[in-house]
Amino acid sequence: MDSSDQRRYGDRRNDSTGALNLRRFYSRRRQVRRVMDDTAPARLDVYPPRYFWISVLILLLCMADAVNTLHLLDLGAVELNPLLGALLDRNLTLFALCKHLLTGVGVVILVAYSRHRLFDRLATLQILHGVLLGYLVLVIFQWQAILLYGAP
């Protein structure tokens, strides 16, 4: 076997890290090459720009949720999430870090598997849209509560 037949990195199709691999930044696959069953795993090298913007909006709304939560707590509200409530009692920085880390990791996983289906019915991209809508409704609700109960 001469050196031209050897692969430098092995077979990239067996890569378990998928979209998180740094070699993906230099790749060109933007679509699945073959018609595939919806349940078959398919990873892309470059995702559509709308996935980026949906992710950015989710993370911005997560930040707004954290700020609104702290403001509402000052007005006498109670944190309903027991994990974040425990973190709030310990340290505000730890609360913000964990909240954004959990949301960010979840968004990355949903984008990486955006072409998959959950339980063979629900597209993962629909879950991403649902998270965006959920955060939007939550932030609007919080703003209304701040306006209603925050005025002196």
N, C-alpha and C. Protein backbone atom coordinates (compact mmCIF):
# COMPACT_ATOMS: atom_id res chain seq x y z
N MET A 1 0.85 -1.17 0.00
CA MET A 1 0.00 0.00 0.00
C MET A 1 0.90 1.24 0.00
N ASP A 2 0.72 2.09 -0.98
CA ASP A 2 1.54 3.30 -1.02
C ASP A 2 0.89 4.40 -0.19
N SER A 3 1.60 5.51 -0.04
CA SER A 3 1.13 6.58 0.85
C SER A 3 -0.13 7.27 0.33
N SER A 4 -0.44 7.19 -0.96
CA SER A 4 -1.63 7.85 -1.48
C SER A 4 -2.91 7.10 -1.10
N ASP A 5 -2.78 5.81 -0.74
CA ASP A 5 -3.95 5.03 -0.35
C ASP A 5 -4.28 5.14 1.14
N GLN A 6 -3.39 5.73 1.90
CA GLN A 6 -3.61 5.82 3.34
C GLN A 6 -4.44 7.06 3.67
N ARG A 7 -5.28 6.89 4.63
CA ARG A 7 -6.09 8.02 5.08
C ARG A 7 -5.41 8.67 6.27
N ARG A 8 -5.42 9.97 6.25
CA ARG A 8 -4.73 10.70 7.30
C ARG A 8 -5.48 10.63 8.63
N TYR A 9 -6.78 10.82 8.61
CA TYR A 9 -7.56 10.86 9.85
C TYR A 9 -8.49 9.66 10.02
N GLY A 10 -8.43 8.71 9.16
CA GLY A 10 -9.37 7.60 9.23
C GLY A 10 -10.65 7.97 8.49
N ASP A 11 -11.63 7.14 8.61
CA ASP A 11 -12.90 7.37 7.92
C ASP A 11 -13.73 8.38 8.70
N ARG A 12 -13.97 9.57 8.12
CA ARG A 12 -14.68 10.62 8.83
C ARG A 12 -16.15 10.29 9.03
N ARG A 13 -16.68 9.32 8.31
CA ARG A 13 -18.08 8.94 8.48
C ARG A 13 -18.32 8.23 9.79
N ASN A 14 -17.27 7.71 10.41
CA ASN A 14 -17.38 7.04 11.70
C ASN A 14 -17.14 8.00 12.87
N ASP A 15 -17.09 9.27 12.59
CA ASP A 15 -16.83 10.29 13.60
C ASP A 15 -18.01 10.39 14.56
N SER A 16 -17.77 10.18 15.84
CA SER A 16 -18.86 10.18 16.82
C SER A 16 -19.17 11.58 17.34
N THR A 17 -18.28 12.54 17.11
CA THR A 17 -18.53 13.88 17.64
C THR A 17 -19.42 14.71 16.75
N GLY A 18 -19.64 14.27 15.54
CA GLY A 18 -20.59 14.93 14.65
C GLY A 18 -20.31 16.39 14.43
N ALA A 19 -21.30 17.21 14.70
CA ALA A 19 -21.23 18.65 14.38
C ALA A 19 -20.26 19.40 15.29
N LEU A 20 -19.80 18.79 16.36
CA LEU A 20 -18.91 19.48 17.29
C LEU A 20 -17.44 19.37 16.89
N ASN A 21 -17.13 18.64 15.84
CA ASN A 21 -15.76 18.43 15.42
C ASN A 21 -15.23 19.68 14.73
N LEU A 22 -14.01 20.10 15.07
CA LEU A 22 -13.45 21.32 14.49
C LEU A 22 -13.16 21.18 13.00
N ARG A 23 -12.95 19.96 12.50
CA ARG A 23 -12.73 19.79 11.06
C ARG A 23 -13.96 20.19 10.26
N ARG A 24 -15.11 20.25 10.89
CA ARG A 24 -16.35 20.61 10.21
C ARG A 24 -16.32 22.04 9.68
N PHE A 25 -15.50 22.91 10.27
CA PHE A 25 -15.45 24.29 9.82
C PHE A 25 -14.88 24.40 8.41
N TYR A 26 -14.12 23.40 7.99
CA TYR A 26 -13.51 23.44 6.67
C TYR A 26 -14.19 22.52 5.68
N SER A 27 -15.33 22.02 6.03
CA SER A 27 -16.06 21.08 5.18
C SER A 27 -17.10 21.80 4.35
N ARG A 28 -17.73 21.03 3.43
CA ARG A 28 -18.66 21.66 2.51
C ARG A 28 -20.05 21.03 2.52
N ARG A 29 -20.28 19.98 3.24
CA ARG A 29 -21.57 19.31 3.15
C ARG A 29 -22.66 20.17 3.77
N ARG A 30 -23.59 20.63 2.92
CA ARG A 30 -24.68 21.47 3.36
C ARG A 30 -26.02 20.75 3.27
N GLN A 31 -26.05 19.65 2.56
CA GLN A 31 -27.27 18.87 2.40
C GLN A 31 -26.92 17.40 2.47
N VAL A 32 -27.91 16.59 2.77
CA VAL A 32 -27.71 15.15 2.74
C VAL A 32 -27.61 14.74 1.29
N ARG A 33 -26.67 13.84 0.97
CA ARG A 33 -26.42 13.50 -0.43
C ARG A 33 -27.46 12.57 -1.04
N ARG A 34 -28.02 11.73 -0.25
CA ARG A 34 -28.96 10.75 -0.79
C ARG A 34 -30.32 10.91 -0.13
N VAL A 35 -31.34 10.46 -0.82
CA VAL A 35 -32.66 10.45 -0.21
C VAL A 35 -32.61 9.42 0.91
N MET A 36 -32.97 9.86 2.10
CA MET A 36 -32.82 8.99 3.27
C MET A 36 -34.13 8.90 4.02
N ASP A 37 -34.25 7.87 4.78
CA ASP A 37 -35.37 7.74 5.70
C ASP A 37 -35.20 8.79 6.80
N ASP A 38 -36.30 9.36 7.30
CA ASP A 38 -36.22 10.41 8.31
C ASP A 38 -35.56 9.94 9.60
N THR A 39 -35.60 8.65 9.86
CA THR A 39 -35.02 8.15 11.11
C THR A 39 -33.53 7.87 10.98
N ALA A 40 -33.00 7.85 9.77
CA ALA A 40 -31.57 7.57 9.58
C ALA A 40 -30.75 8.79 10.01
N PRO A 41 -29.65 8.54 10.71
CA PRO A 41 -28.84 9.68 11.15
C PRO A 41 -28.19 10.38 9.96
N ALA A 42 -28.24 11.69 9.96
CA ALA A 42 -27.60 12.48 8.92
C ALA A 42 -27.05 13.74 9.57
N ARG A 43 -25.77 13.95 9.41
CA ARG A 43 -25.15 15.14 9.96
C ARG A 43 -24.65 16.01 8.81
N LEU A 44 -24.76 17.30 9.01
CA LEU A 44 -24.29 18.24 8.01
C LEU A 44 -23.02 18.91 8.53
N ASP A 45 -22.22 19.42 7.59
CA ASP A 45 -21.04 20.16 7.98
C ASP A 45 -21.37 21.63 8.20
N VAL A 46 -22.29 22.16 7.42
CA VAL A 46 -22.69 23.55 7.52
C VAL A 46 -24.21 23.58 7.67
N TYR A 47 -24.67 24.27 8.71
CA TYR A 47 -26.10 24.33 8.97
C TYR A 47 -26.69 25.60 8.36
N PRO A 48 -27.96 25.59 8.03
CA PRO A 48 -28.59 26.79 7.48
C PRO A 48 -28.51 27.96 8.47
N PRO A 49 -28.43 29.19 7.96
CA PRO A 49 -28.32 30.36 8.84
C PRO A 49 -29.48 30.51 9.83
N ARG A 50 -30.66 30.01 9.46
CA ARG A 50 -31.78 30.15 10.38
C ARG A 50 -31.53 29.40 11.68
N TYR A 51 -30.78 28.31 11.67
CA TYR A 51 -30.46 27.59 12.91
C TYR A 51 -29.63 28.48 13.83
N PHE A 52 -28.70 29.22 13.24
CA PHE A 52 -27.87 30.14 14.02
C PHE A 52 -28.74 31.21 14.67
N TRP A 53 -29.63 31.80 13.90
CA TRP A 53 -30.46 32.89 14.42
C TRP A 53 -31.46 32.39 15.47
N ILE A 54 -32.00 31.21 15.27
CA ILE A 54 -32.89 30.63 16.28
C ILE A 54 -32.11 30.41 17.59
N SER A 55 -30.89 29.91 17.47
CA SER A 55 -30.06 29.66 18.65
C SER A 55 -29.71 30.96 19.36
N VAL A 56 -29.35 31.99 18.60
CA VAL A 56 -29.02 33.28 19.20
C VAL A 56 -30.23 33.86 19.92
N LEU A 57 -31.41 33.78 19.29
CA LEU A 57 -32.62 34.30 19.93
C LEU A 57 -32.93 33.55 21.22
N ILE A 58 -32.77 32.23 21.21
CA ILE A 58 -33.01 31.45 22.43
C ILE A 58 -32.06 31.90 23.54
N LEU A 59 -30.79 32.07 23.22
CA LEU A 59 -29.82 32.47 24.25
C LEU A 59 -30.07 33.89 24.74
N LEU A 60 -30.48 34.79 23.85
CA LEU A 60 -30.82 36.15 24.29
C LEU A 60 -32.05 36.15 25.19
N LEU A 61 -33.05 35.35 24.82
CA LEU A 61 -34.24 35.26 25.66
C LEU A 61 -33.93 34.59 27.00
N CYS A 62 -32.96 33.68 27.01
CA CYS A 62 -32.52 33.06 28.27
C CYS A 62 -31.90 34.12 29.17
N MET A 63 -31.10 35.02 28.59
CA MET A 63 -30.52 36.11 29.38
C MET A 63 -31.61 37.04 29.91
N ALA A 64 -32.58 37.36 29.06
CA ALA A 64 -33.69 38.21 29.50
C ALA A 64 -34.47 37.52 30.62
N ASP A 65 -34.65 36.22 30.51
CA ASP A 65 -35.35 35.46 31.55
C ASP A 65 -34.59 35.55 32.87
N ALA A 66 -33.27 35.43 32.83
CA ALA A 66 -32.48 35.50 34.06
C ALA A 66 -32.59 36.88 34.71
N VAL A 67 -32.49 37.93 33.90
CA VAL A 67 -32.59 39.29 34.43
C VAL A 67 -33.99 39.54 35.00
N ASN A 68 -35.01 39.13 34.24
CA ASN A 68 -36.39 39.31 34.71
C ASN A 68 -36.66 38.51 35.98
N THR A 69 -36.10 37.32 36.06
CA THR A 69 -36.28 36.49 37.26
C THR A 69 -35.70 37.19 38.48
N LEU A 70 -34.50 37.75 38.33
CA LEU A 70 -33.89 38.45 39.47
C LEU A 70 -34.72 39.68 39.86
N HIS A 71 -35.24 40.38 38.87
CA HIS A 71 -36.08 41.55 39.16
C HIS A 71 -37.37 41.13 39.87
N LEU A 72 -37.99 40.06 39.39
CA LEU A 72 -39.22 39.58 40.03
C LEU A 72 -38.96 39.06 41.44
N LEU A 73 -37.80 38.45 41.66
CA LEU A 73 -37.46 37.99 43.01
C LEU A 73 -37.33 39.17 43.96
N ASP A 74 -36.80 40.29 43.45
CA ASP A 74 -36.73 41.49 44.29
C ASP A 74 -38.12 42.02 44.63
N LEU A 75 -39.10 41.74 43.75
CA LEU A 75 -40.47 42.18 43.99
C LEU A 75 -41.27 41.21 44.85
N GLY A 76 -40.64 40.09 45.22
CA GLY A 76 -41.30 39.14 46.11
C GLY A 76 -41.73 37.84 45.46
N ALA A 77 -41.36 37.62 44.21
CA ALA A 77 -41.71 36.36 43.54
C ALA A 77 -40.83 35.23 44.07
N VAL A 78 -41.18 34.01 43.70
CA VAL A 78 -40.45 32.82 44.13
C VAL A 78 -40.01 32.04 42.90
N GLU A 79 -38.76 31.55 42.91
CA GLU A 79 -38.26 30.72 41.80
C GLU A 79 -38.91 29.34 41.89
N LEU A 80 -39.58 28.92 40.82
CA LEU A 80 -40.28 27.63 40.83
C LEU A 80 -39.37 26.45 40.49
N ASN A 81 -38.28 26.69 39.78
CA ASN A 81 -37.34 25.62 39.43
C ASN A 81 -36.48 25.32 40.65
N PRO A 82 -36.58 24.10 41.21
CA PRO A 82 -35.84 23.80 42.45
C PRO A 82 -34.32 23.84 42.28
N LEU A 83 -33.81 23.42 41.13
CA LEU A 83 -32.36 23.45 40.90
C LEU A 83 -31.86 24.89 40.86
N LEU A 84 -32.50 25.73 40.06
CA LEU A 84 -32.07 27.12 39.97
C LEU A 84 -32.38 27.88 41.26
N GLY A 85 -33.44 27.49 41.96
CA GLY A 85 -33.72 28.11 43.25
C GLY A 85 -32.61 27.85 44.25
N ALA A 86 -32.10 26.62 44.27
CA ALA A 86 -30.98 26.30 45.17
C ALA A 86 -29.72 27.07 44.78
N LEU A 87 -29.51 27.23 43.48
CA LEU A 87 -28.34 28.00 43.03
C LEU A 87 -28.49 29.48 43.36
N LEU A 88 -29.71 29.99 43.29
CA LEU A 88 -29.96 31.38 43.66
C LEU A 88 -29.63 31.64 45.11
N ASP A 89 -29.94 30.67 45.97
CA ASP A 89 -29.66 30.82 47.39
C ASP A 89 -28.15 30.84 47.67
N ARG A 90 -27.38 30.20 46.82
CA ARG A 90 -25.93 30.11 47.03
C ARG A 90 -25.18 31.30 46.44
N ASN A 91 -25.41 31.53 45.11
CA ASN A 91 -24.58 32.52 44.43
C ASN A 91 -25.26 32.94 43.13
N LEU A 92 -25.38 34.23 42.89
CA LEU A 92 -26.02 34.72 41.66
C LEU A 92 -25.20 34.39 40.42
N THR A 93 -23.88 34.44 40.55
CA THR A 93 -23.02 34.12 39.40
C THR A 93 -23.18 32.66 39.02
N LEU A 94 -23.22 31.79 40.01
CA LEU A 94 -23.41 30.37 39.75
C LEU A 94 -24.78 30.11 39.11
N PHE A 95 -25.80 30.83 39.56
CA PHE A 95 -27.14 30.74 38.97
C PHE A 95 -27.10 31.10 37.49
N ALA A 96 -26.51 32.24 37.17
CA ALA A 96 -26.46 32.69 35.77
C ALA A 96 -25.63 31.74 34.91
N LEU A 97 -24.50 31.29 35.44
CA LEU A 97 -23.63 30.39 34.69
C LEU A 97 -24.34 29.07 34.38
N CYS A 98 -24.95 28.47 35.38
CA CYS A 98 -25.64 27.18 35.17
C CYS A 98 -26.84 27.34 34.24
N LYS A 99 -27.59 28.41 34.39
CA LYS A 99 -28.76 28.64 33.54
C LYS A 99 -28.35 28.74 32.08
N HIS A 100 -27.32 29.52 31.81
CA HIS A 100 -26.88 29.70 30.43
C HIS A 100 -26.15 28.47 29.90
N LEU A 101 -25.41 27.80 30.75
CA LEU A 101 -24.72 26.58 30.32
C LEU A 101 -25.71 25.48 29.94
N LEU A 102 -26.72 25.27 30.77
CA LEU A 102 -27.73 24.26 30.48
C LEU A 102 -28.49 24.58 29.19
N THR A 103 -28.85 25.85 29.03
CA THR A 103 -29.57 26.25 27.81
C THR A 103 -28.67 26.13 26.59
N GLY A 104 -27.43 26.58 26.71
CA GLY A 104 -26.50 26.53 25.58
C GLY A 104 -26.20 25.11 25.13
N VAL A 105 -25.95 24.22 26.08
CA VAL A 105 -25.69 22.82 25.72
C VAL A 105 -26.91 22.19 25.06
N GLY A 106 -28.08 22.49 25.59
CA GLY A 106 -29.31 21.97 24.99
C GLY A 106 -29.52 22.46 23.58
N VAL A 107 -29.24 23.73 23.33
CA VAL A 107 -29.39 24.29 21.99
C VAL A 107 -28.39 23.64 21.03
N VAL A 108 -27.15 23.47 21.46
CA VAL A 108 -26.14 22.84 20.60
C VAL A 108 -26.56 21.42 20.22
N ILE A 109 -27.06 20.67 21.19
CA ILE A 109 -27.51 19.29 20.91
C ILE A 109 -28.69 19.30 19.94
N LEU A 110 -29.65 20.19 20.15
CA LEU A 110 -30.81 20.24 19.25
C LEU A 110 -30.41 20.64 17.83
N VAL A 111 -29.47 21.56 17.69
CA VAL A 111 -29.02 21.94 16.35
C VAL A 111 -28.24 20.80 15.71
N ALA A 112 -27.39 20.14 16.47
CA ALA A 112 -26.59 19.04 15.92
C ALA A 112 -27.48 17.90 15.41
N TYR A 113 -28.60 17.69 16.06
CA TYR A 113 -29.51 16.62 15.66
C TYR A 113 -30.79 17.17 15.03
N SER A 114 -30.68 18.31 14.37
CA SER A 114 -31.86 18.98 13.83
C SER A 114 -32.53 18.20 12.69
N ARG A 115 -31.84 17.27 12.08
CA ARG A 115 -32.44 16.49 11.00
C ARG A 115 -33.02 15.16 11.49
N HIS A 116 -33.02 14.95 12.78
CA HIS A 116 -33.53 13.70 13.36
C HIS A 116 -34.96 13.89 13.84
N ARG A 117 -35.58 12.77 14.15
CA ARG A 117 -36.94 12.78 14.69
C ARG A 117 -36.92 12.13 16.06
N LEU A 118 -37.70 12.69 16.96
CA LEU A 118 -37.84 12.14 18.30
C LEU A 118 -39.08 11.27 18.34
N PHE A 119 -38.93 10.04 18.76
CA PHE A 119 -40.01 9.06 18.81
C PHE A 119 -40.63 8.85 17.42
N ASP A 120 -39.85 9.01 16.38
CA ASP A 120 -40.27 8.83 14.98
C ASP A 120 -41.42 9.75 14.58
N ARG A 121 -41.68 10.79 15.32
CA ARG A 121 -42.79 11.69 15.01
C ARG A 121 -42.36 13.15 14.98
N LEU A 122 -41.74 13.59 16.04
CA LEU A 122 -41.47 15.01 16.24
C LEU A 122 -40.06 15.34 15.74
N ALA A 123 -39.97 16.24 14.77
CA ALA A 123 -38.66 16.66 14.26
C ALA A 123 -37.95 17.48 15.33
N THR A 124 -36.67 17.27 15.47
CA THR A 124 -35.90 17.98 16.48
C THR A 124 -35.91 19.48 16.22
N LEU A 125 -35.99 19.87 14.96
CA LEU A 125 -36.08 21.29 14.65
C LEU A 125 -37.37 21.89 15.20
N GLN A 126 -38.44 21.11 15.22
CA GLN A 126 -39.69 21.59 15.82
C GLN A 126 -39.52 21.81 17.33
N ILE A 127 -38.72 20.99 17.98
CA ILE A 127 -38.45 21.17 19.40
C ILE A 127 -37.69 22.48 19.61
N LEU A 128 -36.75 22.76 18.72
CA LEU A 128 -35.99 24.01 18.80
C LEU A 128 -36.92 25.22 18.65
N HIS A 129 -37.85 25.14 17.70
CA HIS A 129 -38.85 26.20 17.54
C HIS A 129 -39.73 26.31 18.79
N GLY A 130 -40.09 25.18 19.38
CA GLY A 130 -40.90 25.18 20.59
C GLY A 130 -40.19 25.83 21.77
N VAL A 131 -38.88 25.58 21.90
CA VAL A 131 -38.10 26.20 22.96
C VAL A 131 -38.07 27.71 22.76
N LEU A 132 -37.89 28.15 21.51
CA LEU A 132 -37.89 29.58 21.22
C LEU A 132 -39.24 30.21 21.58
N LEU A 133 -40.31 29.57 21.17
CA LEU A 133 -41.64 30.08 21.48
C LEU A 133 -41.89 30.08 22.99
N GLY A 134 -41.46 29.03 23.68
CA GLY A 134 -41.63 28.95 25.13
C GLY A 134 -40.91 30.08 25.84
N TYR A 135 -39.67 30.35 25.46
CA TYR A 135 -38.93 31.44 26.07
C TYR A 135 -39.57 32.79 25.77
N LEU A 136 -40.07 32.95 24.55
CA LEU A 136 -40.72 34.21 24.18
C LEU A 136 -41.97 34.45 25.04
N VAL A 137 -42.79 33.43 25.20
CA VAL A 137 -43.98 33.54 26.03
C VAL A 137 -43.60 33.82 27.48
N LEU A 138 -42.58 33.14 27.98
CA LEU A 138 -42.13 33.33 29.36
C LEU A 138 -41.66 34.76 29.60
N VAL A 139 -40.85 35.29 28.69
CA VAL A 139 -40.32 36.64 28.87
C VAL A 139 -41.45 37.68 28.78
N ILE A 140 -42.39 37.48 27.87
CA ILE A 140 -43.54 38.40 27.79
C ILE A 140 -44.35 38.34 29.08
N PHE A 141 -44.58 37.16 29.62
CA PHE A 141 -45.28 37.00 30.88
C PHE A 141 -44.54 37.71 32.02
N GLN A 142 -43.22 37.55 32.05
CA GLN A 142 -42.43 38.20 33.10
C GLN A 142 -42.51 39.72 32.98
N TRP A 143 -42.44 40.24 31.76
CA TRP A 143 -42.54 41.69 31.56
C TRP A 143 -43.89 42.20 32.04
N GLN A 144 -44.94 41.46 31.76
CA GLN A 144 -46.27 41.88 32.23
C GLN A 144 -46.33 41.87 33.76
N ALA A 145 -45.74 40.86 34.37
CA ALA A 145 -45.72 40.79 35.84
C ALA A 145 -44.91 41.93 36.42
N ILE A 146 -43.79 42.29 35.80
CA ILE A 146 -42.98 43.40 36.28
C ILE A 146 -43.76 44.70 36.16
N LEU A 147 -44.44 44.90 35.03
CA LEU A 147 -45.22 46.12 34.85
C LEU A 147 -46.38 46.20 35.82
N LEU A 148 -46.99 45.06 36.11
CA LEU A 148 -48.16 45.03 36.99
C LEU A 148 -47.79 45.20 38.45
N TYR A 149 -46.75 44.47 38.89
CA TYR A 149 -46.42 44.45 40.30
C TYR A 149 -45.22 45.33 40.66
N GLY A 150 -44.51 45.80 39.65
CA GLY A 150 -43.28 46.55 39.92
C GLY A 150 -43.49 48.04 40.04
N ALA A 151 -44.63 48.55 39.63
CA ALA A 151 -44.86 50.00 39.69
C ALA A 151 -45.12 50.42 41.14
N PRO A 152 -44.47 51.48 41.59
CA PRO A 152 -44.69 51.92 42.98
C PRO A 152 -46.02 52.60 43.17
